[in-house]
PDB file of all heavy atoms in Angstrom:
ATOM      1  N   GLU A   1       0.815  -1.219   0.027  1.00  0.00           N
ATOM      2  CA  GLU A   1      -0.071   0.008  -0.005  1.00  0.00           C
ATOM      3  C   GLU A   1       0.852   1.275   0.000  1.00  0.00           C
ATOM      4  O   GLU A   1       0.431   2.287  -0.539  1.00  0.00           O
ATOM      5  CB  GLU A   1      -1.007  -0.008   1.221  1.00  0.00           C
ATOM      6  CG  GLU A   1      -1.944  -1.223   1.188  1.00  0.00           C
ATOM      7  CD  GLU A   1      -2.985  -1.003   2.291  1.00  0.00           C
ATOM      8  OE1 GLU A   1      -3.489   0.084   2.487  1.00  0.00           O
ATOM      9  OE2 GLU A   1      -3.307  -2.044   2.911  1.00  0.00           O
ATOM     10  N   VAL A   2       1.984   1.220   0.650  1.00  0.00           N
ATOM     11  CA  VAL A   2       2.936   2.357   0.690  1.00  0.00           C
ATOM     12  C   VAL A   2       4.380   1.925   0.507  1.00  0.00           C
ATOM     13  O   VAL A   2       4.672   0.750   0.878  1.00  0.00           O
ATOM     14  CB  VAL A   2       2.714   3.208   2.007  1.00  0.00           C
ATOM     15  CG1 VAL A   2       1.343   3.717   2.089  1.00  0.00           C
ATOM     16  CG2 VAL A   2       3.090   2.308   3.155  1.00  0.00           C
ATOM     17  N   PRO A   3       5.250   2.753   0.039  1.00  0.00           N
ATOM     18  CA  PRO A   3       6.652   2.434   0.086  1.00  0.00           C
ATOM     19  C   PRO A   3       7.183   1.983   1.500  1.00  0.00           C
ATOM     20  O   PRO A   3       6.848   2.694   2.444  1.00  0.00           O
ATOM     21  CB  PRO A   3       7.321   3.652  -0.385  1.00  0.00           C
ATOM     22  CG  PRO A   3       6.346   4.343  -1.293  1.00  0.00           C
ATOM     23  CD  PRO A   3       5.034   4.048  -0.570  1.00  0.00           C
ATOM     24  N   THR A   4       7.868   0.883   1.510  1.00  0.00           N
ATOM     25  CA  THR A   4       8.250   0.219   2.849  1.00  0.00           C
ATOM     26  C   THR A   4       9.708  -0.022   2.911  1.00  0.00           C
ATOM     27  O   THR A   4      10.185  -0.727   2.041  1.00  0.00           O
ATOM     28  CB  THR A   4       7.392  -1.071   3.061  1.00  0.00           C
ATOM     29  OG1 THR A   4       5.999  -0.751   2.998  1.00  0.00           O
ATOM     30  CG2 THR A   4       7.651  -1.665   4.413  1.00  0.00           C
ATOM     31  N   LEU A   5      10.363   0.451   3.966  1.00  0.00           N
ATOM     32  CA  LEU A   5      11.767   0.211   4.212  1.00  0.00           C
ATOM     33  C   LEU A   5      11.865  -0.696   5.473  1.00  0.00           C
ATOM     34  O   LEU A   5      11.680  -0.245   6.606  1.00  0.00           O
ATOM     35  CB  LEU A   5      12.552   1.520   4.416  1.00  0.00           C
ATOM     36  CG  LEU A   5      14.037   1.363   4.767  1.00  0.00           C
ATOM     37  CD1 LEU A   5      14.831   0.671   3.653  1.00  0.00           C
ATOM     38  CD2 LEU A   5      14.572   2.706   5.154  1.00  0.00           C
ATOM     39  N   GLU A   6      12.141  -1.937   5.216  1.00  0.00           N
ATOM     40  CA  GLU A   6      12.274  -2.947   6.364  1.00  0.00           C
ATOM     41  C   GLU A   6      13.770  -2.900   6.789  1.00  0.00           C
ATOM     42  O   GLU A   6      14.730  -2.972   5.975  1.00  0.00           O
ATOM     43  CB  GLU A   6      11.876  -4.375   5.959  1.00  0.00           C
ATOM     44  CG  GLU A   6      10.443  -4.540   5.556  1.00  0.00           C
ATOM     45  CD  GLU A   6       9.536  -4.664   6.742  1.00  0.00           C
ATOM     46  OE1 GLU A   6      10.073  -4.812   7.947  1.00  0.00           O
ATOM     47  OE2 GLU A   6       8.308  -4.736   6.609  1.00  0.00           O
ATOM     48  N   VAL A   7      13.977  -3.025   8.084  1.00  0.00           N
ATOM     49  CA  VAL A   7      15.387  -2.963   8.677  1.00  0.00           C
ATOM     50  C   VAL A   7      15.574  -3.985   9.691  1.00  0.00           C
ATOM     51  O   VAL A   7      14.741  -4.186  10.577  1.00  0.00           O
ATOM     52  CB  VAL A   7      15.690  -1.609   9.271  1.00  0.00           C
ATOM     53  CG1 VAL A   7      17.144  -1.479   9.768  1.00  0.00           C
ATOM     54  CG2 VAL A   7      15.416  -0.455   8.200  1.00  0.00           C
ATOM     55  N   GLY A   8      16.682  -4.796   9.633  1.00  0.00           N
ATOM     56  CA  GLY A   8      16.952  -5.776  10.632  1.00  0.00           C
ATOM     57  C   GLY A   8      18.405  -6.020  10.857  1.00  0.00           C
ATOM     58  O   GLY A   8      19.262  -5.530  10.052  1.00  0.00           O
ATOM     59  N   GLY A   9      18.721  -6.703  11.909  1.00  0.00           N
ATOM     60  CA  GLY A   9      20.104  -7.011  12.270  1.00  0.00           C
ATOM     61  C   GLY A   9      20.377  -8.436  12.331  1.00  0.00           C
ATOM     62  O   GLY A   9      19.560  -9.243  12.745  1.00  0.00           O
ATOM     63  N   TRP A  10      21.592  -8.878  11.924  1.00  0.00           N
ATOM     64  CA  TRP A  10      21.978 -10.262  11.958  1.00  0.00           C
ATOM     65  C   TRP A  10      22.026 -10.872  13.352  1.00  0.00           C
ATOM     66  O   TRP A  10      21.830 -12.008  13.543  1.00  0.00           O
ATOM     67  CB  TRP A  10      23.408 -10.399  11.342  1.00  0.00           C
ATOM     68  CG  TRP A  10      23.556 -10.044   9.883  1.00  0.00           C
ATOM     69  CD1 TRP A  10      24.438  -9.213   9.352  1.00  0.00           C
ATOM     70  CD2 TRP A  10      22.697 -10.437   8.738  1.00  0.00           C
ATOM     71  NE1 TRP A  10      24.250  -9.087   8.020  1.00  0.00           N
ATOM     72  CE2 TRP A  10      23.268  -9.853   7.564  1.00  0.00           C
ATOM     73  CE3 TRP A  10      21.587 -11.325   8.684  1.00  0.00           C
ATOM     74  CZ2 TRP A  10      22.649 -10.058   6.321  1.00  0.00           C
ATOM     75  CZ3 TRP A  10      21.071 -11.467   7.355  1.00  0.00           C
ATOM     76  CH2 TRP A  10      21.539 -10.850   6.245  1.00  0.00           C
ATOM     77  N   TRP A  11      22.307  -9.932  14.387  1.00  0.00           N
ATOM     78  CA  TRP A  11      22.301 -10.416  15.771  1.00  0.00           C
ATOM     79  C   TRP A  11      21.309  -9.698  16.605  1.00  0.00           C
ATOM     80  O   TRP A  11      21.528  -9.520  17.761  1.00  0.00           O
ATOM     81  CB  TRP A  11      23.774 -10.162  16.289  1.00  0.00           C
ATOM     82  CG  TRP A  11      24.828 -11.031  15.784  1.00  0.00           C
ATOM     83  CD1 TRP A  11      25.132 -12.253  16.189  1.00  0.00           C
ATOM     84  CD2 TRP A  11      25.752 -10.773  14.677  1.00  0.00           C
ATOM     85  NE1 TRP A  11      26.181 -12.812  15.476  1.00  0.00           N
ATOM     86  CE2 TRP A  11      26.591 -11.909  14.601  1.00  0.00           C
ATOM     87  CE3 TRP A  11      25.844  -9.695  13.811  1.00  0.00           C
ATOM     88  CZ2 TRP A  11      27.563 -11.990  13.583  1.00  0.00           C
ATOM     89  CZ3 TRP A  11      26.898  -9.791  12.846  1.00  0.00           C
ATOM     90  CH2 TRP A  11      27.706 -10.910  12.696  1.00  0.00           C
ATOM     91  N   ASP A  12      20.153  -9.683  16.026  1.00  0.00           N
ATOM     92  CA  ASP A  12      18.930  -9.115  16.771  1.00  0.00           C
ATOM     93  C   ASP A  12      18.415 -10.079  17.696  1.00  0.00           C
ATOM     94  O   ASP A  12      17.978 -11.135  17.321  1.00  0.00           O
ATOM     95  CB  ASP A  12      17.824  -8.702  15.789  1.00  0.00           C
ATOM     96  CG  ASP A  12      16.757  -7.892  16.425  1.00  0.00           C
ATOM     97  OD1 ASP A  12      16.429  -8.243  17.659  1.00  0.00           O
ATOM     98  OD2 ASP A  12      16.222  -6.912  15.810  1.00  0.00           O
ATOM     99  N   GLN A  13      18.530  -9.845  19.030  1.00  0.00           N
ATOM    100  CA  GLN A  13      18.195 -10.829  20.049  1.00  0.00           C
ATOM    101  C   GLN A  13      16.682 -10.829  20.302  1.00  0.00           C
ATOM    102  O   GLN A  13      16.193 -11.692  21.123  1.00  0.00           O
ATOM    103  CB  GLN A  13      18.918 -10.486  21.318  1.00  0.00           C
ATOM    104  CG  GLN A  13      18.419  -9.206  22.103  1.00  0.00           C
ATOM    105  CD  GLN A  13      18.900  -7.875  21.580  1.00  0.00           C
ATOM    106  OE1 GLN A  13      19.474  -7.853  20.508  1.00  0.00           O
ATOM    107  NE2 GLN A  13      18.709  -6.898  22.352  1.00  0.00           N
ATOM    108  N   GLU A  14      15.950 -10.045  19.632  1.00  0.00           N
ATOM    109  CA  GLU A  14      14.470  -9.974  19.821  1.00  0.00           C
ATOM    110  C   GLU A  14      13.616 -10.230  18.648  1.00  0.00           C
ATOM    111  O   GLU A  14      12.692 -11.039  18.657  1.00  0.00           O
ATOM    112  CB  GLU A  14      14.134  -8.661  20.514  1.00  0.00           C
ATOM    113  CG  GLU A  14      14.685  -8.617  21.943  1.00  0.00           C
ATOM    114  CD  GLU A  14      14.529  -7.268  22.619  1.00  0.00           C
ATOM    115  OE1 GLU A  14      13.527  -6.559  22.246  1.00  0.00           O
ATOM    116  OE2 GLU A  14      15.353  -6.955  23.440  1.00  0.00           O
ATOM    117  N   ASP A  15      13.910  -9.481  17.515  1.00  0.00           N
ATOM    118  CA  ASP A  15      12.976  -9.547  16.325  1.00  0.00           C
ATOM    119  C   ASP A  15      13.796  -9.642  15.077  1.00  0.00           C
ATOM    120  O   ASP A  15      13.639  -8.905  14.187  1.00  0.00           O
ATOM    121  CB  ASP A  15      12.072  -8.272  16.349  1.00  0.00           C
ATOM    122  CG  ASP A  15      11.182  -8.233  17.558  1.00  0.00           C
ATOM    123  OD1 ASP A  15      10.440  -9.223  17.816  1.00  0.00           O
ATOM    124  OD2 ASP A  15      11.306  -7.192  18.343  1.00  0.00           O
ATOM    125  N   MET A  16      14.646 -10.654  15.004  1.00  0.00           N
ATOM    126  CA  MET A  16      15.398 -10.928  13.790  1.00  0.00           C
ATOM    127  C   MET A  16      14.497 -11.430  12.659  1.00  0.00           C
ATOM    128  O   MET A  16      14.672 -11.071  11.468  1.00  0.00           O
ATOM    129  CB  MET A  16      16.476 -11.904  14.059  1.00  0.00           C
ATOM    130  CG  MET A  16      17.360 -12.252  12.855  1.00  0.00           C
ATOM    131  SD  MET A  16      18.386 -13.699  13.200  1.00  0.00           S
ATOM    132  CE  MET A  16      19.211 -13.266  14.663  1.00  0.00           C
ATOM    133  N   TRP A  17      13.449 -12.177  13.079  1.00  0.00           N
ATOM    134  CA  TRP A  17      12.583 -12.784  12.116  1.00  0.00           C
ATOM    135  C   TRP A  17      11.688 -11.867  11.381  1.00  0.00           C
ATOM    136  O   TRP A  17      11.356 -11.918  10.194  1.00  0.00           O
ATOM    137  CB  TRP A  17      11.715 -13.868  12.896  1.00  0.00           C
ATOM    138  CG  TRP A  17      10.880 -14.836  12.061  1.00  0.00           C
ATOM    139  CD1 TRP A  17      11.326 -15.918  11.537  1.00  0.00           C
ATOM    140  CD2 TRP A  17       9.581 -14.614  11.678  1.00  0.00           C
ATOM    141  NE1 TRP A  17      10.318 -16.601  10.830  1.00  0.00           N
ATOM    142  CE2 TRP A  17       9.207 -15.753  10.893  1.00  0.00           C
ATOM    143  CE3 TRP A  17       8.570 -13.663  11.910  1.00  0.00           C
ATOM    144  CZ2 TRP A  17       7.953 -15.928  10.363  1.00  0.00           C
ATOM    145  CZ3 TRP A  17       7.247 -13.854  11.320  1.00  0.00           C
ATOM    146  CH2 TRP A  17       7.023 -14.963  10.547  1.00  0.00           C
ATOM    147  N   GLY A  18      11.169 -10.823  12.157  1.00  0.00           N
ATOM    148  CA  GLY A  18      10.128  -9.893  11.657  1.00  0.00           C
ATOM    149  C   GLY A  18      10.458  -9.183  10.358  1.00  0.00           C
ATOM    150  O   GLY A  18       9.638  -9.300   9.373  1.00  0.00           O
ATOM    151  N   PRO A  19      11.523  -8.462  10.224  1.00  0.00           N
ATOM    152  CA  PRO A  19      11.755  -7.791   8.955  1.00  0.00           C
ATOM    153  C   PRO A  19      11.877  -8.632   7.749  1.00  0.00           C
ATOM    154  O   PRO A  19      11.409  -8.284   6.634  1.00  0.00           O
ATOM    155  CB  PRO A  19      13.009  -6.951   9.221  1.00  0.00           C
ATOM    156  CG  PRO A  19      13.711  -7.586  10.403  1.00  0.00           C
ATOM    157  CD  PRO A  19      12.595  -8.230  11.249  1.00  0.00           C
ATOM    158  N   GLN A  20      12.561  -9.805   7.955  1.00  0.00           N
ATOM    159  CA  GLN A  20      12.703 -10.706   6.800  1.00  0.00           C
ATOM    160  C   GLN A  20      11.418 -11.346   6.415  1.00  0.00           C
ATOM    161  O   GLN A  20      11.110 -11.514   5.214  1.00  0.00           O
ATOM    162  CB  GLN A  20      13.757 -11.759   7.048  1.00  0.00           C
ATOM    163  CG  GLN A  20      15.153 -11.176   7.347  1.00  0.00           C
ATOM    164  CD  GLN A  20      16.218 -12.206   7.679  1.00  0.00           C
ATOM    165  OE1 GLN A  20      16.335 -13.189   6.996  1.00  0.00           O
ATOM    166  NE2 GLN A  20      16.878 -12.064   8.781  1.00  0.00           N
ATOM    167  N   ALA A  21      10.546 -11.625   7.418  1.00  0.00           N
ATOM    168  CA  ALA A  21       9.252 -12.215   7.118  1.00  0.00           C
ATOM    169  C   ALA A  21       8.290 -11.272   6.441  1.00  0.00           C
ATOM    170  O   ALA A  21       7.460 -11.525   5.548  1.00  0.00           O
ATOM    171  CB  ALA A  21       8.658 -12.694   8.505  1.00  0.00           C
ATOM    172  N   GLU A  22       8.358  -9.940   6.879  1.00  0.00           N
ATOM    173  CA  GLU A  22       7.473  -8.964   6.266  1.00  0.00           C
ATOM    174  C   GLU A  22       7.928  -8.671   4.866  1.00  0.00           C
ATOM    175  O   GLU A  22       7.048  -8.516   3.922  1.00  0.00           O
ATOM    176  CB  GLU A  22       7.445  -7.634   7.144  1.00  0.00           C
ATOM    177  CG  GLU A  22       6.804  -7.856   8.446  1.00  0.00           C
ATOM    178  CD  GLU A  22       6.566  -6.512   9.250  1.00  0.00           C
ATOM    179  OE1 GLU A  22       7.088  -5.482   8.767  1.00  0.00           O
ATOM    180  OE2 GLU A  22       5.885  -6.577  10.248  1.00  0.00           O
ATOM    181  N   TYR A  23       9.183  -8.579   4.633  1.00  0.00           N
ATOM    182  CA  TYR A  23       9.697  -8.355   3.290  1.00  0.00           C
ATOM    183  C   TYR A  23       9.288  -9.562   2.365  1.00  0.00           C
ATOM    184  O   TYR A  23       8.868  -9.349   1.225  1.00  0.00           O
ATOM    185  CB  TYR A  23      11.217  -8.272   3.269  1.00  0.00           C
ATOM    186  CG  TYR A  23      11.898  -8.375   1.905  1.00  0.00           C
ATOM    187  CD1 TYR A  23      12.048  -7.152   1.132  1.00  0.00           C
ATOM    188  CD2 TYR A  23      12.269  -9.555   1.309  1.00  0.00           C
ATOM    189  CE1 TYR A  23      12.584  -7.260  -0.117  1.00  0.00           C
ATOM    190  CE2 TYR A  23      12.864  -9.619   0.082  1.00  0.00           C
ATOM    191  CZ  TYR A  23      13.026  -8.474  -0.623  1.00  0.00           C
ATOM    192  OH  TYR A  23      13.539  -8.610  -1.825  1.00  0.00           O
ATOM    193  N   ALA A  24       9.434 -10.775   2.922  1.00  0.00           N
ATOM    194  CA  ALA A  24       9.089 -11.961   2.123  1.00  0.00           C
ATOM    195  C   ALA A  24       7.537 -11.940   1.722  1.00  0.00           C
ATOM    196  O   ALA A  24       7.193 -12.410   0.721  1.00  0.00           O
ATOM    197  CB  ALA A  24       9.435 -13.234   2.897  1.00  0.00           C
TER     198      ALA A  24
END
Protein backbone atom coordinates (compact mmCIF):
# COMPACT_ATOMS: atom_id res chain seq x y z
CA GLU A 1 0.00 0.00 0.00
CA VAL A 2 2.92 2.37 0.67
CA PRO A 3 6.70 2.39 0.08
CA THR A 4 8.21 0.28 2.85
CA LEU A 5 11.76 0.16 4.22
CA GLU A 6 12.31 -2.93 6.38
CA VAL A 7 15.38 -2.94 8.64
CA GLY A 8 16.92 -5.80 10.63
CA GLY A 9 20.11 -6.99 12.28
CA TRP A 10 21.99 -10.27 11.94
CA TRP A 11 22.37 -10.45 15.73
CA ASP A 12 18.97 -9.08 16.75
CA GLN A 13 18.19 -10.80 20.04
CA GLU A 14 14.47 -9.99 19.87
CA ASP A 15 13.01 -9.53 16.38
CA MET A 16 15.40 -10.92 13.79
CA TRP A 17 12.56 -12.82 12.13
CA GLY A 18 10.13 -9.93 11.65
CA PRO A 19 11.75 -7.74 8.97
CA GLN A 20 12.71 -10.69 6.78
CA ALA A 21 9.23 -12.21 7.13
CA GLU A 22 7.47 -8.94 6.27
CA TYR A 23 9.72 -8.40 3.28
CA ALA A 24 9.06 -11.97 2.10
